[in-house]
Amino acid sequence: MLLAAATAAGCSDGRVDIPRTPVGPDTRQARATLIALRGAVTVKRAAGDAWMAAAEGMELFENDTLRTARGASAQVRFESGPAMTVSEDALVGIAEPRAGPGAEPSDVTVLKGRIDAELADPQTHSLVVATPSATVRAGREIVFQ
């Protein structure tokens, strides 16, 4: 029966050809860039299980996680313009556009610690910050939910 299915699929020697996704350069769009680091800062990619040392100029993508150790900090600039400083002993998720039910997408989710955000032009820039219990949108007006 398997041979018949393989033959019907176009394989005369009984093998089944499985289409492969081509492996090439990362085509995801960066959501933010690390612009300054102090102390031990690590990043975990959305598709990975391991934490890696962060580096200035490193791009951060949707659902990546950034962690700062005690005494460390990181400055992040979002592609949309705003910047933030992540304090010591913090854990934040980057650009989580698929929010859960009743929540809006966020630019950053603060799971632990503190961030200080800076909007170069509050008239045109905004930054949505989520926490496990609240969401804040800063920009032309500040909205707490």
N, C-alpha and C. Protein backbone atom coordinates (compact mmCIF):
# COMPACT_ATOMS: atom_id res chain seq x y z
N MET A 1 0.82 -1.19 0.00
CA MET A 1 0.00 0.00 0.00
C MET A 1 0.87 1.26 0.00
N LEU A 2 1.95 1.27 0.82
CA LEU A 2 2.84 2.41 0.87
C LEU A 2 3.53 2.61 -0.47
N LEU A 3 3.94 1.52 -1.11
CA LEU A 3 4.59 1.61 -2.41
C LEU A 3 3.64 2.23 -3.42
N ALA A 4 2.37 1.87 -3.36
CA ALA A 4 1.40 2.42 -4.29
C ALA A 4 1.25 3.92 -4.06
N ALA A 5 1.23 4.36 -2.80
CA ALA A 5 1.11 5.79 -2.49
C ALA A 5 2.35 6.54 -2.96
N ALA A 6 3.53 5.92 -2.77
CA ALA A 6 4.76 6.56 -3.20
C ALA A 6 4.82 6.65 -4.71
N THR A 7 4.38 5.63 -5.38
CA THR A 7 4.37 5.64 -6.84
C THR A 7 3.39 6.68 -7.35
N ALA A 8 2.24 6.78 -6.71
CA ALA A 8 1.24 7.76 -7.12
C ALA A 8 1.76 9.18 -6.90
N ALA A 9 2.65 9.36 -5.92
CA ALA A 9 3.21 10.67 -5.63
C ALA A 9 4.34 11.03 -6.59
N GLY A 10 4.66 10.12 -7.49
CA GLY A 10 5.68 10.42 -8.50
C GLY A 10 7.03 9.85 -8.20
N CYS A 11 7.17 8.92 -7.27
CA CYS A 11 8.46 8.32 -6.92
C CYS A 11 8.42 6.87 -7.36
N SER A 12 9.17 6.54 -8.37
CA SER A 12 9.12 5.19 -8.91
C SER A 12 9.91 4.19 -8.08
N ASP A 13 10.85 4.65 -7.24
CA ASP A 13 11.66 3.71 -6.47
C ASP A 13 11.11 3.48 -5.06
N GLY A 14 9.92 3.96 -4.75
CA GLY A 14 9.32 3.71 -3.46
C GLY A 14 9.60 4.78 -2.42
N ARG A 15 10.49 5.73 -2.73
CA ARG A 15 10.76 6.82 -1.78
C ARG A 15 9.67 7.88 -1.89
N VAL A 16 9.39 8.52 -0.79
CA VAL A 16 8.44 9.63 -0.79
C VAL A 16 9.22 10.92 -0.68
N ASP A 17 9.05 11.80 -1.66
CA ASP A 17 9.72 13.09 -1.61
C ASP A 17 8.96 14.03 -0.68
N ILE A 18 9.66 14.58 0.29
CA ILE A 18 9.07 15.53 1.22
C ILE A 18 9.59 16.90 0.85
N PRO A 19 8.69 17.84 0.55
CA PRO A 19 9.17 19.18 0.20
C PRO A 19 9.91 19.81 1.36
N ARG A 20 10.99 20.46 1.09
CA ARG A 20 11.81 21.09 2.12
C ARG A 20 11.69 22.61 2.00
N THR A 21 11.67 23.27 3.15
CA THR A 21 11.68 24.72 3.17
C THR A 21 13.12 25.16 2.99
N PRO A 22 13.38 26.04 2.03
CA PRO A 22 14.76 26.46 1.83
C PRO A 22 15.30 27.19 3.05
N VAL A 23 16.55 26.90 3.38
CA VAL A 23 17.20 27.54 4.51
C VAL A 23 18.06 28.65 3.94
N GLY A 24 17.84 29.85 4.41
CA GLY A 24 18.60 30.98 3.89
C GLY A 24 18.73 32.04 4.96
N PRO A 25 19.04 33.26 4.56
CA PRO A 25 19.20 34.33 5.54
C PRO A 25 17.88 34.64 6.24
N ASP A 26 18.00 35.16 7.46
CA ASP A 26 16.83 35.52 8.25
C ASP A 26 16.11 36.67 7.55
N THR A 27 14.83 36.47 7.25
CA THR A 27 14.07 37.49 6.54
C THR A 27 13.11 38.24 7.45
N ARG A 28 13.17 37.95 8.75
CA ARG A 28 12.30 38.67 9.67
C ARG A 28 12.71 40.14 9.74
N GLN A 29 11.76 41.00 10.05
CA GLN A 29 12.03 42.42 10.18
C GLN A 29 12.41 42.73 11.63
N ALA A 30 13.52 43.41 11.81
CA ALA A 30 13.95 43.80 13.15
C ALA A 30 12.94 44.77 13.73
N ARG A 31 12.61 44.62 15.01
CA ARG A 31 11.69 45.52 15.70
C ARG A 31 12.44 46.55 16.52
N ALA A 32 13.68 46.21 16.92
CA ALA A 32 14.47 47.11 17.77
C ALA A 32 15.94 46.75 17.64
N THR A 33 16.80 47.65 18.12
CA THR A 33 18.25 47.43 18.10
C THR A 33 18.82 47.81 19.46
N LEU A 34 19.75 47.00 19.96
CA LEU A 34 20.46 47.32 21.19
C LEU A 34 21.49 48.40 20.86
N ILE A 35 21.39 49.55 21.52
CA ILE A 35 22.30 50.64 21.17
C ILE A 35 23.38 50.88 22.23
N ALA A 36 23.16 50.40 23.45
CA ALA A 36 24.18 50.53 24.50
C ALA A 36 23.92 49.47 25.57
N LEU A 37 25.00 48.90 26.08
CA LEU A 37 24.91 47.87 27.12
C LEU A 37 25.86 48.21 28.25
N ARG A 38 25.45 47.83 29.45
CA ARG A 38 26.32 47.94 30.61
C ARG A 38 26.13 46.68 31.43
N GLY A 39 27.19 45.95 31.70
CA GLY A 39 27.09 44.73 32.49
C GLY A 39 26.60 43.55 31.67
N ALA A 40 26.10 42.53 32.39
CA ALA A 40 25.68 41.27 31.76
C ALA A 40 24.24 41.39 31.24
N VAL A 41 24.12 41.37 29.92
CA VAL A 41 22.82 41.45 29.26
C VAL A 41 22.74 40.27 28.31
N THR A 42 21.62 39.54 28.35
CA THR A 42 21.45 38.38 27.48
C THR A 42 20.14 38.48 26.71
N VAL A 43 20.09 37.73 25.60
CA VAL A 43 18.92 37.70 24.72
C VAL A 43 18.56 36.26 24.45
N LYS A 44 17.27 35.98 24.43
CA LYS A 44 16.78 34.67 24.00
C LYS A 44 15.89 34.91 22.79
N ARG A 45 16.25 34.28 21.68
CA ARG A 45 15.46 34.42 20.46
C ARG A 45 14.13 33.70 20.62
N ALA A 46 13.11 34.19 19.93
CA ALA A 46 11.77 33.62 20.01
C ALA A 46 11.76 32.14 19.65
N ALA A 47 12.56 31.77 18.69
CA ALA A 47 12.59 30.38 18.22
C ALA A 47 13.65 29.54 18.91
N GLY A 48 14.34 30.10 19.90
CA GLY A 48 15.43 29.38 20.54
C GLY A 48 15.15 29.06 21.99
N ASP A 49 15.98 28.21 22.55
CA ASP A 49 15.87 27.83 23.95
C ASP A 49 17.01 28.37 24.80
N ALA A 50 18.08 28.81 24.16
CA ALA A 50 19.28 29.22 24.89
C ALA A 50 19.39 30.73 24.97
N TRP A 51 19.93 31.21 26.08
CA TRP A 51 20.25 32.62 26.25
C TRP A 51 21.63 32.86 25.66
N MET A 52 21.80 33.99 24.96
CA MET A 52 23.10 34.34 24.38
C MET A 52 23.49 35.74 24.85
N ALA A 53 24.78 35.98 24.89
CA ALA A 53 25.27 37.30 25.28
C ALA A 53 24.79 38.34 24.26
N ALA A 54 24.31 39.46 24.76
CA ALA A 54 23.87 40.55 23.89
C ALA A 54 25.09 41.36 23.46
N ALA A 55 24.94 42.08 22.36
CA ALA A 55 26.01 42.93 21.85
C ALA A 55 25.40 44.21 21.30
N GLU A 56 26.15 45.31 21.43
CA GLU A 56 25.67 46.57 20.84
C GLU A 56 25.49 46.37 19.34
N GLY A 57 24.39 46.89 18.82
CA GLY A 57 24.09 46.75 17.40
C GLY A 57 23.26 45.52 17.09
N MET A 58 23.04 44.64 18.08
CA MET A 58 22.26 43.43 17.87
C MET A 58 20.80 43.81 17.60
N GLU A 59 20.23 43.21 16.57
CA GLU A 59 18.83 43.44 16.27
C GLU A 59 17.95 42.52 17.10
N LEU A 60 16.81 43.05 17.51
CA LEU A 60 15.84 42.28 18.29
C LEU A 60 14.59 42.13 17.43
N PHE A 61 14.03 40.92 17.45
CA PHE A 61 12.90 40.59 16.61
C PHE A 61 11.67 40.30 17.46
N GLU A 62 10.54 40.21 16.79
CA GLU A 62 9.28 39.91 17.44
C GLU A 62 9.41 38.71 18.38
N ASN A 63 8.95 38.88 19.61
CA ASN A 63 8.93 37.85 20.65
C ASN A 63 10.29 37.43 21.18
N ASP A 64 11.36 38.17 20.87
CA ASP A 64 12.64 37.93 21.54
C ASP A 64 12.51 38.41 22.98
N THR A 65 13.36 37.89 23.86
CA THR A 65 13.34 38.28 25.26
C THR A 65 14.71 38.82 25.66
N LEU A 66 14.71 39.91 26.42
CA LEU A 66 15.94 40.56 26.86
C LEU A 66 16.00 40.48 28.38
N ARG A 67 17.18 40.12 28.91
CA ARG A 67 17.35 39.99 30.36
C ARG A 67 18.60 40.75 30.79
N THR A 68 18.47 41.53 31.86
CA THR A 68 19.61 42.23 32.42
C THR A 68 19.90 41.66 33.81
N ALA A 69 21.16 41.53 34.14
CA ALA A 69 21.58 41.01 35.45
C ALA A 69 21.65 42.16 36.45
N ARG A 70 21.92 41.83 37.69
CA ARG A 70 22.08 42.84 38.73
C ARG A 70 23.23 43.78 38.33
N GLY A 71 22.99 45.08 38.39
CA GLY A 71 24.00 46.07 38.03
C GLY A 71 24.10 46.33 36.53
N ALA A 72 23.33 45.66 35.72
CA ALA A 72 23.39 45.81 34.26
C ALA A 72 22.23 46.68 33.76
N SER A 73 22.35 47.15 32.53
CA SER A 73 21.28 47.88 31.88
C SER A 73 21.48 47.79 30.37
N ALA A 74 20.42 48.08 29.64
CA ALA A 74 20.48 48.05 28.18
C ALA A 74 19.64 49.17 27.62
N GLN A 75 20.15 49.83 26.57
CA GLN A 75 19.37 50.82 25.86
C GLN A 75 18.93 50.21 24.54
N VAL A 76 17.64 50.37 24.25
CA VAL A 76 17.03 49.77 23.06
C VAL A 76 16.35 50.87 22.26
N ARG A 77 16.57 50.89 20.95
CA ARG A 77 15.87 51.82 20.07
C ARG A 77 14.95 51.02 19.17
N PHE A 78 13.67 51.36 19.18
CA PHE A 78 12.69 50.69 18.33
C PHE A 78 12.75 51.25 16.92
N GLU A 79 12.46 50.42 15.95
CA GLU A 79 12.47 50.84 14.55
C GLU A 79 11.48 51.97 14.31
N SER A 80 10.43 52.03 15.11
CA SER A 80 9.41 53.07 14.96
C SER A 80 9.82 54.40 15.58
N GLY A 81 10.99 54.46 16.25
CA GLY A 81 11.51 55.72 16.78
C GLY A 81 11.75 55.79 18.27
N PRO A 82 10.82 55.31 19.13
CA PRO A 82 11.04 55.43 20.58
C PRO A 82 12.27 54.65 21.05
N ALA A 83 12.77 55.05 22.21
CA ALA A 83 13.89 54.35 22.83
C ALA A 83 13.52 54.04 24.28
N MET A 84 14.19 53.05 24.85
CA MET A 84 13.96 52.74 26.26
C MET A 84 15.26 52.25 26.88
N THR A 85 15.36 52.46 28.18
CA THR A 85 16.46 51.92 28.96
C THR A 85 15.85 50.86 29.87
N VAL A 86 16.41 49.65 29.81
CA VAL A 86 15.97 48.54 30.65
C VAL A 86 16.87 48.52 31.87
N SER A 87 16.26 48.57 33.04
CA SER A 87 17.02 48.63 34.29
C SER A 87 17.67 47.30 34.64
N GLU A 88 18.40 47.30 35.73
CA GLU A 88 19.03 46.07 36.21
C GLU A 88 17.99 45.05 36.65
N ASP A 89 18.39 43.79 36.58
CA ASP A 89 17.57 42.68 37.05
C ASP A 89 16.16 42.71 36.45
N ALA A 90 16.12 42.85 35.12
CA ALA A 90 14.84 42.97 34.41
C ALA A 90 14.69 41.87 33.36
N LEU A 91 13.45 41.63 32.99
CA LEU A 91 13.12 40.66 31.96
C LEU A 91 12.01 41.27 31.11
N VAL A 92 12.28 41.50 29.81
CA VAL A 92 11.29 42.13 28.93
C VAL A 92 11.17 41.36 27.62
N GLY A 93 9.97 41.33 27.07
CA GLY A 93 9.72 40.75 25.76
C GLY A 93 9.59 41.87 24.75
N ILE A 94 10.11 41.64 23.56
CA ILE A 94 10.12 42.65 22.50
C ILE A 94 9.00 42.42 21.51
N ALA A 95 8.27 43.48 21.18
CA ALA A 95 7.27 43.51 20.11
C ALA A 95 6.42 42.26 20.07
N GLU A 96 5.43 42.23 20.89
CA GLU A 96 4.51 41.10 20.93
C GLU A 96 3.18 41.52 20.31
N PRO A 97 3.10 41.46 18.97
CA PRO A 97 1.93 42.00 18.27
C PRO A 97 0.69 41.12 18.36
N ARG A 98 0.80 39.90 18.84
CA ARG A 98 -0.37 39.03 18.94
C ARG A 98 -0.77 38.91 20.41
N ALA A 99 -1.48 39.91 20.85
CA ALA A 99 -1.88 39.95 22.26
C ALA A 99 -2.98 38.93 22.53
N GLY A 100 -3.11 38.58 23.79
CA GLY A 100 -4.16 37.65 24.20
C GLY A 100 -5.52 38.31 24.15
N PRO A 101 -6.56 37.57 24.46
CA PRO A 101 -7.92 38.10 24.43
C PRO A 101 -8.07 39.33 25.33
N GLY A 102 -8.68 40.37 24.80
CA GLY A 102 -8.93 41.58 25.57
C GLY A 102 -7.72 42.48 25.74
N ALA A 103 -6.60 42.14 25.12
CA ALA A 103 -5.39 42.96 25.24
C ALA A 103 -4.97 43.43 23.86
N GLU A 104 -4.28 44.56 23.83
CA GLU A 104 -3.81 45.06 22.55
C GLU A 104 -2.35 44.67 22.34
N PRO A 105 -1.89 44.67 21.10
CA PRO A 105 -0.48 44.36 20.83
C PRO A 105 0.43 45.36 21.54
N SER A 106 1.64 44.93 21.88
CA SER A 106 2.55 45.83 22.59
C SER A 106 3.90 45.90 21.89
N ASP A 107 4.61 46.99 22.16
CA ASP A 107 5.98 47.14 21.68
C ASP A 107 6.94 46.41 22.61
N VAL A 108 6.60 46.40 23.89
CA VAL A 108 7.44 45.74 24.89
C VAL A 108 6.55 45.24 26.03
N THR A 109 6.88 44.07 26.55
CA THR A 109 6.18 43.53 27.71
C THR A 109 7.18 43.43 28.85
N VAL A 110 6.91 44.11 29.95
CA VAL A 110 7.80 44.09 31.10
C VAL A 110 7.32 42.98 32.03
N LEU A 111 8.11 41.93 32.12
CA LEU A 111 7.78 40.80 32.98
C LEU A 111 8.38 40.96 34.37
N LYS A 112 9.51 41.69 34.43
CA LYS A 112 10.20 41.92 35.70
C LYS A 112 11.07 43.15 35.51
N GLY A 113 11.16 43.98 36.55
CA GLY A 113 12.05 45.12 36.49
C GLY A 113 11.38 46.40 36.04
N ARG A 114 12.19 47.31 35.53
CA ARG A 114 11.72 48.65 35.20
C ARG A 114 12.33 49.09 33.88
N ILE A 115 11.55 49.87 33.13
CA ILE A 115 12.08 50.52 31.93
C ILE A 115 11.80 52.01 32.01
N ASP A 116 12.65 52.79 31.37
CA ASP A 116 12.44 54.23 31.20
C ASP A 116 12.37 54.46 29.70
N ALA A 117 11.24 55.00 29.23
CA ALA A 117 11.04 55.21 27.80
C ALA A 117 11.23 56.67 27.43
N GLU A 118 11.66 56.87 26.19
CA GLU A 118 11.86 58.22 25.67
C GLU A 118 11.25 58.29 24.27
N LEU A 119 10.38 59.26 24.07
CA LEU A 119 9.77 59.48 22.76
C LEU A 119 10.39 60.74 22.17
N ALA A 120 11.11 60.60 21.06
CA ALA A 120 11.77 61.75 20.45
C ALA A 120 10.74 62.78 20.01
N ASP A 121 9.60 62.33 19.50
CA ASP A 121 8.54 63.22 19.06
C ASP A 121 7.19 62.64 19.48
N PRO A 122 6.69 63.01 20.64
CA PRO A 122 5.44 62.45 21.14
C PRO A 122 4.25 62.70 20.22
N GLN A 123 4.35 63.67 19.32
CA GLN A 123 3.26 63.93 18.38
C GLN A 123 3.13 62.82 17.34
N THR A 124 4.25 62.17 17.01
CA THR A 124 4.21 61.14 15.97
C THR A 124 4.60 59.75 16.46
N HIS A 125 5.29 59.66 17.59
CA HIS A 125 5.72 58.37 18.11
C HIS A 125 4.83 57.95 19.28
N SER A 126 4.72 56.63 19.44
CA SER A 126 4.05 56.10 20.63
C SER A 126 4.77 54.82 21.03
N LEU A 127 4.55 54.39 22.24
CA LEU A 127 5.15 53.16 22.74
C LEU A 127 4.11 52.48 23.62
N VAL A 128 3.79 51.23 23.29
CA VAL A 128 2.82 50.47 24.08
C VAL A 128 3.60 49.50 24.95
N VAL A 129 3.43 49.65 26.28
CA VAL A 129 4.14 48.84 27.26
C VAL A 129 3.10 48.01 28.01
N ALA A 130 3.28 46.69 28.00
CA ALA A 130 2.37 45.79 28.72
C ALA A 130 3.10 45.19 29.91
N THR A 131 2.33 44.88 30.93
CA THR A 131 2.81 44.13 32.09
C THR A 131 1.79 43.03 32.31
N PRO A 132 2.06 42.09 33.19
CA PRO A 132 1.06 41.05 33.43
C PRO A 132 -0.30 41.58 33.88
N SER A 133 -0.34 42.82 34.42
CA SER A 133 -1.63 43.31 34.92
C SER A 133 -2.10 44.63 34.31
N ALA A 134 -1.32 45.27 33.43
CA ALA A 134 -1.75 46.55 32.87
C ALA A 134 -1.06 46.80 31.54
N THR A 135 -1.64 47.72 30.76
CA THR A 135 -1.04 48.18 29.51
C THR A 135 -1.03 49.70 29.52
N VAL A 136 0.09 50.29 29.10
CA VAL A 136 0.22 51.74 29.02
C VAL A 136 0.64 52.10 27.61
N ARG A 137 -0.06 53.06 27.02
CA ARG A 137 0.33 53.57 25.71
C ARG A 137 0.77 55.01 25.91
N ALA A 138 2.03 55.29 25.66
CA ALA A 138 2.56 56.64 25.81
C ALA A 138 2.75 57.23 24.43
N GLY A 139 2.41 58.47 24.28
CA GLY A 139 2.55 59.17 23.01
C GLY A 139 1.95 60.55 23.18
N ARG A 140 1.17 60.94 22.20
CA ARG A 140 0.52 62.24 22.27
C ARG A 140 -0.35 62.33 23.53
N GLU A 141 -0.94 61.21 23.90
CA GLU A 141 -1.67 61.10 25.15
C GLU A 141 -1.27 59.81 25.82
N ILE A 142 -1.37 59.73 27.12
CA ILE A 142 -1.01 58.52 27.84
C ILE A 142 -2.30 57.81 28.24
N VAL A 143 -2.40 56.55 27.89
CA VAL A 143 -3.60 55.77 28.17
C VAL A 143 -3.23 54.57 29.04
N PHE A 144 -3.88 54.40 30.16
CA PHE A 144 -3.66 53.25 31.04
C PHE A 144 -4.87 52.34 30.93
N GLN A 145 -4.63 51.03 30.85
CA GLN A 145 -5.73 50.07 30.80
C GLN A 145 -5.51 49.01 31.86
